[in-house]
Protein backbone atom coordinates (compact mmCIF):
# COMPACT_ATOMS: atom_id res chain seq x y z
CA MET A 1 -243.50 14.17 -155.38
CA ALA A 2 -242.65 10.75 -153.62
CA THR A 3 -238.94 10.59 -153.35
CA ALA A 4 -236.57 8.11 -151.68
CA SER A 5 -233.56 8.53 -149.50
CA THR A 6 -230.10 8.62 -151.08
CA MET A 7 -228.98 6.17 -148.31
CA LEU A 8 -225.64 8.14 -147.54
CA GLU A 9 -222.68 5.77 -146.97
CA LEU A 10 -222.68 4.19 -143.37
CA GLY A 11 -219.56 5.45 -141.50
CA THR A 12 -219.92 8.96 -142.92
CA ALA A 13 -219.06 11.79 -140.49
CA ALA A 14 -221.79 14.07 -139.58
CA PRO A 15 -221.55 17.38 -141.31
CA ASP A 16 -221.34 20.36 -139.16
CA PHE A 17 -223.86 23.34 -139.38
CA SER A 18 -225.08 26.47 -137.65
CA LEU A 19 -228.63 27.14 -138.25
CA PRO A 20 -231.30 29.38 -136.57
CA ASP A 21 -234.11 27.58 -134.58
CA THR A 22 -237.64 28.88 -134.33
CA ASN A 23 -236.60 31.15 -131.43
CA GLY A 24 -233.70 32.84 -133.64
CA LYS A 25 -231.06 30.94 -131.59
CA ARG A 26 -228.32 29.44 -133.63
CA VAL A 27 -227.75 25.67 -133.13
CA SER A 28 -224.75 23.72 -134.20
CA ARG A 29 -223.55 19.99 -134.14
CA GLY A 30 -221.20 20.84 -131.37
CA ASP A 31 -224.13 21.86 -128.99
CA PHE A 32 -224.74 18.09 -128.70
CA GLN A 33 -221.10 16.67 -128.32
CA ASP A 34 -221.75 15.02 -124.81
CA TYR A 35 -224.92 13.13 -126.03
CA ALA A 36 -224.51 9.18 -126.79
CA GLY A 37 -226.18 9.66 -130.06
CA PHE A 38 -227.29 12.41 -132.53
CA LEU A 39 -230.26 12.27 -134.88
CA VAL A 40 -230.79 14.62 -137.72
CA VAL A 41 -234.28 14.66 -139.29
CA PHE A 42 -235.25 16.59 -142.41
CA LEU A 43 -238.89 17.74 -142.10
CA CYS A 44 -241.07 20.41 -143.44
CA ASN A 45 -244.59 21.72 -142.49
CA HIS A 46 -246.69 20.77 -145.51
CA CYS A 47 -245.71 17.21 -146.62
CA PRO A 48 -248.37 14.52 -146.00
CA TYR A 49 -245.79 12.09 -145.24
CA VAL A 50 -244.54 14.25 -142.37
CA HIS A 51 -248.08 14.81 -141.12
CA HIS A 52 -248.46 10.92 -141.23
CA ILE A 53 -245.74 10.39 -138.55
CA ARG A 54 -245.71 13.71 -137.00
CA GLN A 55 -247.09 12.67 -133.66
CA ALA A 56 -245.15 9.58 -133.37
CA LEU A 57 -242.05 11.25 -134.00
CA VAL A 58 -242.83 13.73 -131.09
CA ALA A 59 -243.54 10.52 -128.97
CA PHE A 60 -240.25 9.13 -130.05
CA ALA A 61 -238.38 12.27 -129.15
CA GLY A 62 -239.99 12.30 -125.53
CA GLU A 63 -238.91 8.68 -124.97
CA TYR A 64 -235.31 8.75 -126.38
CA GLN A 65 -234.03 12.29 -125.49
CA PRO A 66 -233.98 11.70 -122.02
CA ARG A 67 -232.01 8.60 -122.45
CA GLY A 68 -229.13 10.42 -124.24
CA LEU A 69 -230.22 10.81 -127.75
CA ALA A 70 -229.80 14.42 -128.96
CA MET A 71 -232.08 15.31 -131.86
CA VAL A 72 -232.68 18.24 -134.24
CA ALA A 73 -235.11 18.71 -137.27
CA ILE A 74 -234.16 20.71 -140.32
CA ASN A 75 -236.41 22.23 -142.91
CA ALA A 76 -234.59 23.14 -146.01
CA ASN A 77 -237.60 23.95 -148.41
CA ASP A 78 -237.88 26.98 -150.37
CA PRO A 79 -240.51 29.23 -148.70
CA LEU A 80 -240.99 31.44 -151.73
CA ASP A 81 -242.58 28.60 -153.45
CA TYR A 82 -244.00 26.90 -150.34
CA PRO A 83 -245.01 29.70 -147.98
CA GLU A 84 -246.40 27.07 -145.65
CA ASP A 85 -242.85 26.07 -144.91
CA SER A 86 -241.64 29.63 -144.06
CA PRO A 87 -239.82 30.23 -140.63
CA ASP A 88 -242.93 31.94 -139.35
CA LYS A 89 -244.95 28.93 -140.17
CA MET A 90 -242.34 26.60 -138.49
CA VAL A 91 -242.80 28.57 -135.26
CA GLU A 92 -246.54 27.54 -135.31
CA GLU A 93 -245.74 24.02 -136.17
CA ALA A 94 -243.45 23.45 -133.31
CA ALA A 95 -245.67 25.13 -130.89
CA ASN A 96 -248.75 23.24 -132.17
CA PHE A 97 -247.31 19.78 -132.14
CA GLY A 98 -245.13 20.22 -128.96
CA TYR A 99 -241.64 19.86 -130.65
CA THR A 100 -239.21 19.10 -127.86
CA PHE A 101 -236.27 19.35 -130.41
CA PRO A 102 -234.78 22.28 -132.14
CA TYR A 103 -236.53 23.01 -135.46
CA LEU A 104 -233.94 24.56 -137.69
CA PHE A 105 -234.21 26.46 -141.00
CA ASP A 106 -231.74 25.95 -143.68
CA GLU A 107 -232.17 28.76 -145.93
CA THR A 108 -229.33 28.24 -148.22
CA GLN A 109 -230.00 24.56 -148.52
CA GLU A 110 -226.22 23.72 -148.09
CA VAL A 111 -226.78 21.67 -145.00
CA ALA A 112 -229.33 19.57 -146.88
CA LYS A 113 -226.91 19.10 -149.65
CA ALA A 114 -224.11 18.17 -147.24
CA TYR A 115 -226.08 15.42 -145.64
CA ARG A 116 -227.49 14.33 -149.29
CA ALA A 117 -230.82 14.58 -147.88
CA ALA A 118 -233.54 14.08 -150.53
CA CYS A 119 -236.91 13.84 -148.84
CA THR A 120 -239.22 14.62 -145.93
CA PRO A 121 -238.71 13.03 -143.71
CA ASP A 122 -235.26 11.80 -144.06
CA PHE A 123 -233.47 10.37 -140.98
CA PHE A 124 -229.72 10.21 -140.18
CA LEU A 125 -228.63 8.67 -136.85
CA PHE A 126 -224.92 9.12 -135.77
CA ASP A 127 -223.13 7.41 -132.91
CA LYS A 128 -220.99 8.93 -129.99
CA GLY A 129 -218.17 9.63 -132.56
CA ARG A 130 -220.70 11.10 -134.95
CA LYS A 131 -220.26 8.52 -137.59
CA LEU A 132 -223.46 7.51 -139.55
CA ILE A 133 -224.86 4.24 -138.33
CA TYR A 134 -228.50 4.36 -139.71
CA ARG A 135 -230.11 6.22 -142.29
CA GLY A 136 -233.64 5.13 -143.61
CA GLN A 137 -237.24 4.95 -142.67
CA PHE A 138 -239.18 5.67 -139.69
CA ASP A 139 -241.19 2.62 -140.44
CA ASP A 140 -242.82 1.06 -143.20
CA SER A 141 -246.36 3.12 -142.71
CA ARG A 142 -247.17 5.40 -145.51
CA PRO A 143 -250.23 7.67 -145.85
CA LYS A 144 -253.26 5.63 -146.84
CA ASN A 145 -251.48 2.09 -146.64
CA ARG A 146 -253.27 1.26 -143.35
CA ARG A 147 -250.14 0.18 -141.63
CA PRO A 148 -249.83 1.40 -138.05
CA VAL A 149 -247.22 4.09 -137.32
CA THR A 150 -244.81 2.52 -134.88
CA GLY A 151 -241.37 4.03 -135.72
CA ARG A 152 -240.13 0.44 -135.58
CA ASP A 153 -237.16 0.83 -137.67
CA LEU A 154 -235.78 3.97 -136.24
CA ARG A 155 -236.58 2.73 -132.66
CA ALA A 156 -234.64 -0.53 -133.38
CA ALA A 157 -231.56 1.63 -134.63
CA ALA A 158 -231.94 3.96 -131.39
CA GLU A 159 -232.05 0.87 -129.03
CA ALA A 160 -229.15 -0.72 -130.63
CA LEU A 161 -227.02 2.50 -130.40
CA LEU A 162 -228.14 3.19 -126.77
CA SER A 163 -227.59 -0.39 -125.60
CA GLY A 164 -224.27 -1.02 -127.48
CA GLN A 165 -225.75 -3.60 -129.78
CA ALA A 166 -224.74 -4.44 -133.35
CA MET A 167 -226.70 -2.25 -135.90
CA ASP A 168 -228.76 -4.19 -138.39
CA PRO A 169 -227.14 -3.36 -141.77
CA ASP A 170 -230.55 -4.18 -143.52
CA GLN A 171 -231.93 -0.72 -143.74
CA LYS A 172 -234.74 0.44 -145.76
CA ALA A 173 -234.97 4.00 -147.45
CA SER A 174 -237.30 6.61 -146.20
CA VAL A 175 -239.87 7.74 -148.68
CA GLY A 176 -241.63 11.27 -148.75
CA CYS A 177 -241.98 14.50 -150.44
CA ASN A 178 -238.93 15.61 -152.27
CA ILE A 179 -237.12 18.61 -150.54
CA LYS A 180 -238.12 21.75 -152.30
CA TRP A 181 -235.05 23.09 -153.99
CA ARG A 182 -234.65 26.52 -155.23
CA ALA A 183 -234.78 26.92 -158.82
CA GLY A 184 -231.38 26.36 -160.21
CA ASN A 185 -230.06 25.23 -156.74
CA GLU A 186 -230.90 21.37 -157.20
CA PRO A 187 -227.89 19.08 -156.17
CA ASP A 188 -226.52 16.66 -158.71
CA TYR A 189 -227.95 13.77 -156.86
CA PHE A 190 -231.55 15.06 -157.20
CA ARG A 191 -233.52 13.37 -159.78
CA SER A 192 -237.26 14.38 -160.15
CA ILE A 193 -239.89 12.11 -161.48
CA ARG A 194 -242.42 14.05 -163.77
CA LEU A 195 -245.99 12.94 -164.06
CA LYS A 196 -247.29 13.08 -167.58
CA PRO A 197 -250.49 15.32 -167.78
CA ASN A 198 -252.14 13.26 -170.44
CA VAL A 199 -252.47 10.05 -168.66
CA GLY A 200 -255.87 9.33 -170.36
CA GLY A 201 -254.14 8.67 -173.56
CA SER A 202 -253.68 4.87 -172.74
CA LEU A 203 -257.41 4.72 -172.12
CA GLY A 204 -258.29 5.98 -175.65
CA LEU A 205 -259.35 9.41 -174.43
CA GLU A 206 -257.00 11.46 -176.32
CA THR A 207 -259.59 12.41 -179.16
CA GLY A 208 -263.33 12.41 -179.85
CA ALA A 209 -262.75 9.66 -182.68
CA PRO A 210 -264.85 6.52 -181.98
CA ARG A 211 -263.26 3.05 -181.52
CA LYS A 212 -263.95 0.66 -184.29
CA GLY A 213 -264.66 -3.08 -184.03
CA ARG A 214 -264.48 -5.55 -186.52
CA LYS A 215 -265.26 -4.50 -190.26
CA GLY A 216 -265.08 -0.79 -189.07
CA ARG A 217 -268.04 -1.01 -187.05
CA ARG A 218 -268.39 1.58 -184.30
CA THR A 219 -268.48 0.24 -180.95
CA GLY A 220 -269.18 3.47 -179.04
CA GLY A 221 -267.67 6.72 -178.52
CA ALA A 222 -268.27 10.13 -179.84
CA VAL A 223 -269.64 11.32 -183.00
CA PRO A 224 -266.93 11.57 -185.69
CA GLY A 225 -265.17 14.94 -185.37
CA GLU A 226 -266.58 15.70 -182.01
CA ALA A 227 -264.38 15.90 -178.91
CA THR A 228 -265.26 13.81 -176.05
CA PRO A 229 -266.09 15.63 -172.58
CA ALA A 230 -262.62 14.53 -171.34
CA ALA A 231 -260.92 15.86 -174.33
CA ARG A 232 -262.80 19.21 -174.23
CA ALA A 233 -261.84 19.38 -170.58
CA ARG A 234 -258.25 18.81 -171.27
CA ALA A 235 -258.45 21.40 -174.04
CA ASP A 236 -259.85 24.11 -171.69
CA ALA A 237 -257.51 23.29 -168.98
CA MET A 238 -254.35 25.38 -168.40
CA PRO A 239 -251.00 23.41 -168.45
CA LEU A 240 -249.55 22.47 -165.10
CA ASP A 241 -246.13 23.85 -164.30
CA SER A 242 -243.55 21.82 -162.33
CA LYS A 243 -244.60 22.92 -159.09
CA GLN A 244 -248.06 22.08 -159.61
CA LEU A 245 -247.11 18.56 -161.01
CA GLU A 246 -244.98 17.95 -157.80
CA LYS A 247 -247.99 18.82 -155.58
CA LEU A 248 -250.32 16.54 -157.78
CA SER A 249 -247.77 13.92 -157.61
CA GLU A 250 -247.42 14.11 -153.77
CA SER A 251 -251.39 13.83 -153.60
CA VAL A 252 -251.47 10.92 -156.00
CA CYS A 253 -248.81 9.01 -153.78
CA ALA A 254 -250.60 9.75 -150.71
CA HIS A 255 -253.85 8.35 -151.74
CA MET A 256 -252.83 5.78 -154.34
CA ASP A 257 -253.35 2.80 -151.98
CA ASP A 258 -256.87 4.05 -151.03
CA TRP A 259 -257.93 4.70 -154.61
CA LEU A 260 -256.75 1.17 -155.67
CA THR A 261 -258.58 -0.66 -152.80
CA GLY A 262 -261.01 -3.00 -154.25
CA LYS A 263 -260.13 -2.12 -157.76
CA ASP A 264 -259.87 -4.92 -160.35
CA LEU A 265 -256.81 -4.26 -162.46
CA THR A 266 -256.71 -7.57 -164.27
CA GLY A 267 -259.17 -6.54 -167.04
CA SER A 268 -258.23 -5.46 -170.60
CA PRO A 269 -257.65 -1.87 -171.59
CA ALA A 270 -260.81 -1.76 -173.47
CA ALA A 271 -262.88 -3.09 -170.50
CA HIS A 272 -261.39 -0.37 -168.44
CA ASP A 273 -261.92 2.31 -171.03
CA ILE A 274 -265.76 1.23 -171.21
CA ALA A 275 -265.87 1.33 -167.46
CA LEU A 276 -264.30 4.73 -167.26
CA GLN A 277 -266.51 6.23 -169.88
CA LYS A 278 -269.46 4.98 -168.07
CA GLN A 279 -268.20 6.69 -164.85
CA ILE A 280 -267.65 9.94 -167.05
CA THR A 281 -271.27 9.69 -168.37
CA HIS A 282 -272.42 9.19 -164.66
CA LEU A 283 -270.66 12.18 -163.47
CA GLU A 284 -271.82 14.37 -166.28
CA GLU A 285 -275.50 13.33 -165.62
CA GLU A 286 -274.89 14.00 -161.89
CA LEU A 287 -273.34 17.42 -162.64
CA GLN A 288 -276.35 18.14 -164.98
CA HIS A 289 -278.60 17.12 -162.18
CA GLN A 290 -276.93 19.39 -159.70
CA GLN A 291 -276.90 22.17 -162.13
CA ALA A 292 -280.66 21.61 -162.63
CA SER A 293 -281.14 21.68 -158.75
CA ILE A 294 -279.04 24.77 -158.48
CA LYS A 295 -281.15 26.59 -161.26
CA GLN A 296 -284.26 25.70 -159.46
CA GLY A 297 -282.98 27.09 -156.26
CA PHE A 298 -281.86 30.44 -157.92
CA ASP A 299 -285.47 30.54 -159.58
CA LEU A 300 -287.08 29.99 -156.18
CA MET A 301 -284.91 32.55 -154.55
CA GLU A 302 -285.91 35.15 -157.37
CA LYS A 303 -289.43 34.43 -156.80
CA ARG A 304 -289.11 35.00 -153.06
CA LEU A 305 -287.20 38.08 -153.68
CA GLY A 306 -289.88 39.30 -156.09
CA ALA A 307 -292.58 38.66 -153.54
CA MET A 308 -290.53 40.32 -150.82
CA ASP A 309 -290.04 43.42 -153.23
CA LYS A 310 -294.02 43.52 -153.49
CA ARG A 311 -294.59 43.39 -149.78
CA LEU A 312 -291.95 46.15 -149.42
CA GLU A 313 -293.66 48.30 -152.08
CA ALA A 314 -297.15 47.60 -150.30
CA ALA A 315 -295.45 48.45 -146.97
CA ASP A 316 -294.09 51.94 -148.66
CA LYS A 317 -297.59 52.57 -149.74
CA ARG A 318 -299.15 51.98 -146.29
CA SER A 319 -296.59 54.24 -144.78
CA GLU A 320 -297.28 57.01 -147.41
CA THR A 321 -301.10 56.73 -146.34
CA LEU A 322 -300.14 56.81 -142.69
CA ASP A 323 -298.18 59.97 -143.45
CA LYS A 324 -301.04 61.64 -145.14
CA ARG A 325 -303.16 60.85 -142.17
CA LEU A 326 -300.79 62.14 -139.85
CA ASP A 327 -300.49 65.34 -141.71
CA GLY A 328 -304.22 65.59 -141.78
CA LEU A 329 -304.40 65.29 -138.06
CA THR A 330 -301.85 67.79 -137.65
CA GLN A 331 -303.57 70.36 -139.64
CA ARG A 332 -306.73 69.72 -137.71
CA MET A 333 -304.96 70.17 -134.48
CA ASP A 334 -303.39 73.32 -135.66
CA ARG A 335 -306.92 74.62 -136.57
CA PHE A 336 -308.36 73.57 -133.29
CA LEU A 337 -305.59 75.22 -131.26
CA THR A 338 -306.20 78.46 -133.37
CA ARG A 339 -309.71 78.66 -132.77
CA SER A 340 -309.34 77.64 -129.01
CA MET A 341 -306.83 80.61 -128.78
CA ALA A 342 -309.45 82.93 -130.54
CA VAL A 343 -312.29 81.79 -128.12
CA THR A 344 -310.18 82.37 -125.22
CA VAL A 345 -309.14 85.78 -126.14
CA ALA A 346 -312.72 86.79 -126.88
CA VAL A 347 -313.96 85.48 -123.52
CA GLY A 348 -311.31 87.36 -121.77
CA PHE A 349 -312.16 90.47 -123.51
CA ILE A 350 -315.79 90.12 -122.55
CA VAL A 351 -314.95 89.42 -118.90
CA ILE A 352 -312.84 92.51 -118.79
CA LEU A 353 -315.81 94.56 -120.17
CA ILE A 354 -318.23 93.17 -117.67
CA LEU A 355 -315.90 94.03 -114.83
CA ARG A 356 -315.40 97.49 -115.98
CA ALA A 357 -319.27 97.98 -116.23
CA CYS A 358 -319.72 96.62 -112.71
CA SER A 359 -317.10 99.01 -111.34
CA ALA A 360 -318.73 101.85 -112.88
């Protein structure tokens, strides 16, 4: 789900670590002591917020690493619940997108806790003395908000560090998917936001009872005692667990701006309720049309298969007829050969008798 950085206190010393990279080599903070700056980024493979800035982050690394900025990325997600964030998948991720910085796996999640990392992506920039001088967002672009990915905020911080300028204290928190903590391993600073599954209740979709206008007159809705399609769908649906809710929340947050584009949210709840029920009715009609089309397709397929079966039966009959004719020809050939042999023997016998008579 969408989670913001904890905004670790500026001036905090960079916690040390020793973690394996995608080649199995252990990497520690001390490996970069000669660099002017040190950037730690908490990433993962599956998060849409990471996907949104991934190419720009690789470009950022290609620009600032040669200028003396050391950089590592750390994945602390639990691979048991999120197999796409496993070490094997990290190898593919680094290769596919050309990571020029070590991509490390924090299996115990202790390094993430030491940095008070909360989301992916989450950025921590340290100076030459490895004191925190920037923590926050890459820029203000988010999935589907149509703002270009520039890395403006992190670039400004890196430029200030490498040029010796004062750091802007106005720093905005990064926002992304929350780090996927192992069950029971959540840090004390982690506060998850749960989506309520019955979001339709505020729109009057909880039950099939019709709405009433003045003097108890029905203004639309289902027949009394009959559940609406939405209520029936919820009754048939399996409850979502916390992991499914997190993934649903991530998808909602990633697409919210796109969904709300062009929507009028100023009307009354009743008006939105009516509009929503019209949409549901339209969808039901469309589904019925699709079902009818599919049924017609299956019926046509059955007819064609039936015609094909008949053709195969006719072909089998023709094959049987040909087999019978072939058997008849074979029998005639056998009789012809037998008669020919008999004639040949008789002629030979007569020739022998004639030759004997002539010699006598």
